[in-house]
């Protein structure tokens, strides 16, 4: 049985009351679970930052989740653009293998070496980026949150709908699906 909104709200209120006093007035119910999940030292550092004028609490919570020892100064003045790490070699290899497998599924006569070369080529950059985004998506601790899941699902449906329109409107693409090994099953939610 799923939790009702009222019982969820009551649970959030109890979490809010358990936070350090300096935070209780500044944390919205929608952020309380994330703040309550931080170690006590990180919660106290967040309270210090709030007292010093911090306005972007969700971003600070994410930073404290990554590094609970982040200074108050860094919470107040985060870098303008987050530094993104390049995907590790293991992740890159996993993505290349996944794409090569999909290429072979779509074009069963293609040798594995050719599929791997194609998966690593410049023309497949968008597919590699999409595969990496999907890996990150499913690693998110927030994906099972109702509003996150609904928004992500809506985005995926919009993307799939747009792709299906492109396939339907382009005879060469439709023919490739008809002849390829990947099943073509248009969804009917638009109708």
Protein backbone atom coordinates (compact mmCIF):
# COMPACT_ATOMS: atom_id res chain seq x y z
CA UNK A 1 0.00 0.00 0.00
CA UNK A 2 1.45 3.36 -0.98
CA UNK A 3 1.85 6.17 1.49
CA UNK A 4 -0.86 8.84 1.42
CA UNK A 5 0.15 12.45 1.00
CA UNK A 6 -1.11 13.22 4.51
CA UNK A 7 1.02 10.50 6.13
CA UNK A 8 4.00 11.58 4.00
CA UNK A 9 3.49 15.17 5.14
CA UNK A 10 3.34 14.06 8.77
CA UNK A 11 6.54 12.04 8.32
CA UNK A 12 8.25 15.06 6.74
CA UNK A 13 7.10 17.25 9.63
CA UNK A 14 8.65 14.81 12.14
CA UNK A 15 11.89 14.87 10.11
CA UNK A 16 11.84 18.67 10.07
CA UNK A 17 11.44 18.80 13.84
CA UNK A 18 14.45 16.48 14.25
CA UNK A 19 16.76 18.85 12.31
CA UNK A 20 19.07 21.31 14.10
CA UNK A 21 17.08 24.30 15.36
CA UNK A 22 18.87 26.69 13.01
CA UNK A 23 17.58 24.78 9.99
CA UNK A 24 13.98 24.07 10.91
CA UNK A 25 12.57 27.43 9.77
CA UNK A 26 14.52 27.40 6.50
CA UNK A 27 13.91 23.93 5.07
CA UNK A 28 10.82 23.29 2.99
CA UNK A 29 9.00 20.00 3.37
CA UNK A 30 10.00 18.98 -0.16
CA UNK A 31 13.70 19.23 0.82
CA UNK A 32 13.47 17.80 4.32
CA UNK A 33 14.25 14.19 3.36
CA UNK A 34 17.43 15.21 1.56
CA UNK A 35 18.57 17.38 4.49
CA UNK A 36 17.64 14.72 7.06
CA UNK A 37 19.76 12.23 5.08
CA UNK A 38 22.90 14.30 5.63
CA UNK A 39 25.27 13.51 8.50
CA UNK A 40 24.74 15.71 11.57
CA UNK A 41 27.98 17.64 10.92
CA UNK A 42 26.80 18.45 7.38
CA UNK A 43 23.40 19.56 8.72
CA UNK A 44 25.15 21.87 11.19
CA UNK A 45 27.36 23.26 8.40
CA UNK A 46 24.22 23.85 6.31
CA UNK A 47 22.67 25.71 9.27
CA UNK A 48 25.78 27.90 9.49
CA UNK A 49 25.56 28.65 5.77
CA UNK A 50 21.85 29.51 6.05
CA UNK A 51 22.60 31.90 8.93
CA UNK A 52 25.33 33.46 6.76
CA UNK A 53 22.81 34.10 3.96
CA UNK A 54 22.62 30.91 1.88
CA UNK A 55 19.59 30.98 -0.44
CA UNK A 56 20.11 27.96 -2.73
CA UNK A 57 19.59 25.19 -0.20
CA UNK A 58 18.99 22.25 -2.62
CA UNK A 59 22.30 22.90 -4.39
CA UNK A 60 24.11 23.11 -1.04
CA UNK A 61 22.49 19.86 0.10
CA UNK A 62 23.73 18.11 -3.06
CA UNK A 63 27.22 19.50 -2.46
CA UNK A 64 27.16 18.30 1.16
CA UNK A 65 25.99 14.90 0.02
CA UNK A 66 29.02 14.64 -2.27
CA UNK A 67 31.41 16.16 0.30
CA UNK A 68 30.05 16.52 3.84
CA UNK A 69 33.15 18.57 4.74
CA UNK A 70 32.41 21.37 2.26
CA UNK A 71 33.17 24.71 3.89
CA UNK A 72 30.51 27.35 4.53
CA UNK A 73 32.38 29.67 2.15
CA UNK A 74 32.12 27.09 -0.64
CA UNK A 75 28.42 26.56 0.08
CA UNK A 76 27.81 30.30 -0.15
CA UNK A 77 29.91 30.75 -3.31
CA UNK A 78 29.71 27.53 -5.34
CA UNK A 79 31.51 27.37 -8.68
CA UNK A 80 29.39 28.89 -11.44
CA UNK A 81 29.60 25.74 -13.53
CA UNK A 82 29.91 22.35 -11.88
CA UNK A 83 33.00 20.46 -12.87
CA UNK A 84 31.97 17.30 -14.63
CA UNK A 85 34.23 14.35 -14.68
CA UNK A 86 34.77 12.54 -17.90
CA UNK A 87 33.32 9.07 -17.84
CA UNK A 88 35.70 6.43 -16.55
CA UNK A 89 37.24 3.92 -18.91
CA UNK A 90 34.99 1.20 -17.45
CA UNK A 91 31.87 3.26 -18.15
CA UNK A 92 33.08 4.13 -21.65
CA UNK A 93 33.75 0.45 -22.33
CA UNK A 94 30.33 -0.52 -20.98
CA UNK A 95 28.64 2.08 -23.20
CA UNK A 96 30.62 0.99 -26.27
CA UNK A 97 29.70 -2.67 -25.62
CA UNK A 98 26.05 -1.77 -25.12
CA UNK A 99 25.93 0.27 -28.33
CA UNK A 100 27.82 -2.40 -30.30
CA UNK A 101 25.28 -4.96 -29.10
CA UNK A 102 22.39 -2.73 -30.18
CA UNK A 103 24.05 -2.13 -33.55
CA UNK A 104 24.35 -5.88 -34.05
CA UNK A 105 20.74 -6.34 -32.99
CA UNK A 106 19.68 -3.76 -35.58
CA UNK A 107 22.05 -5.09 -38.25
CA UNK A 108 22.56 -8.80 -37.48
CA UNK A 109 24.95 -9.35 -40.41
CA UNK A 110 27.45 -6.76 -39.14
CA UNK A 111 30.62 -8.27 -37.65
CA UNK A 112 31.30 -7.46 -34.00
CA UNK A 113 34.53 -5.59 -34.81
CA UNK A 114 32.65 -3.32 -37.22
CA UNK A 115 29.87 -2.76 -34.68
CA UNK A 116 32.42 -1.78 -32.03
CA UNK A 117 34.19 0.59 -34.45
CA UNK A 118 30.85 2.18 -35.37
CA UNK A 119 29.86 2.48 -31.70
CA UNK A 120 33.08 4.40 -31.08
CA UNK A 121 32.81 6.63 -34.17
CA UNK A 122 31.95 10.35 -34.29
CA UNK A 123 28.53 9.70 -35.85
CA UNK A 124 27.49 7.78 -32.72
CA UNK A 125 28.43 10.59 -30.31
CA UNK A 126 24.77 11.46 -29.60
CA UNK A 127 23.99 7.80 -28.92
CA UNK A 128 26.98 7.52 -26.55
CA UNK A 129 25.90 10.69 -24.73
CA UNK A 130 22.36 9.32 -24.44
CA UNK A 131 23.63 5.98 -23.09
CA UNK A 132 25.76 7.83 -20.54
CA UNK A 133 22.79 9.97 -19.50
CA UNK A 134 20.72 6.81 -19.04
CA UNK A 135 23.42 5.27 -16.84
CA UNK A 136 23.48 8.39 -14.68
CA UNK A 137 19.68 8.49 -14.58
CA UNK A 138 19.40 4.98 -13.17
CA UNK A 139 22.13 5.69 -10.60
CA UNK A 140 20.15 8.63 -9.20
CA UNK A 141 18.95 8.25 -5.63
CA UNK A 142 15.95 10.40 -6.51
CA UNK A 143 14.58 8.46 -9.47
CA UNK A 144 12.02 6.60 -7.37
CA UNK A 145 10.61 9.87 -6.04
CA UNK A 146 7.16 10.33 -7.54
CA UNK A 147 7.65 13.79 -9.05
CA UNK A 148 11.11 12.93 -10.43
CA UNK A 149 9.88 9.68 -11.96
CA UNK A 150 6.85 11.35 -13.52
CA UNK A 151 8.92 14.12 -15.09
CA UNK A 152 11.61 11.72 -16.36
CA UNK A 153 8.94 9.38 -17.72
CA UNK A 154 7.22 12.33 -19.43
CA UNK A 155 10.53 13.36 -21.02
CA UNK A 156 11.15 9.82 -22.25
CA UNK A 157 7.66 9.61 -23.73
CA UNK A 158 8.14 12.93 -25.51
CA UNK A 159 11.47 11.74 -26.88
CA UNK A 160 10.04 8.43 -28.03
CA UNK A 161 7.05 10.17 -29.62
CA UNK A 162 9.37 12.55 -31.50
CA UNK A 163 11.56 9.66 -32.69
CA UNK A 164 8.51 7.71 -33.86
CA UNK A 165 7.27 10.73 -35.82
CA UNK A 166 10.67 11.03 -37.51
CA UNK A 167 10.63 7.33 -38.38
CA UNK A 168 7.07 7.47 -39.72
CA UNK A 169 7.81 10.60 -41.78
CA UNK A 170 11.06 9.28 -43.29
CA UNK A 171 10.61 6.34 -45.69
CA UNK A 172 14.31 5.35 -45.52
CA UNK A 173 14.15 5.13 -41.73
CA UNK A 174 10.91 3.17 -41.83
CA UNK A 175 12.48 0.76 -44.34
CA UNK A 176 15.55 0.36 -42.09
CA UNK A 177 13.27 -0.61 -39.20
CA UNK A 178 11.28 -2.97 -41.39
CA UNK A 179 14.46 -4.72 -42.52
CA UNK A 180 16.45 -4.48 -39.28
CA UNK A 181 16.48 -6.72 -36.26
CA UNK A 182 15.07 -4.13 -33.86
CA UNK A 183 11.30 -4.46 -33.49
CA UNK A 184 9.26 -1.50 -34.72
CA UNK A 185 6.32 -1.09 -32.43
CA UNK A 186 4.88 2.41 -32.50
CA UNK A 187 3.17 3.36 -29.28
CA UNK A 188 -0.43 4.46 -29.39
CA UNK A 189 -0.48 7.04 -26.58
CA UNK A 190 -0.67 9.88 -29.10
CA UNK A 191 -3.90 8.59 -30.52
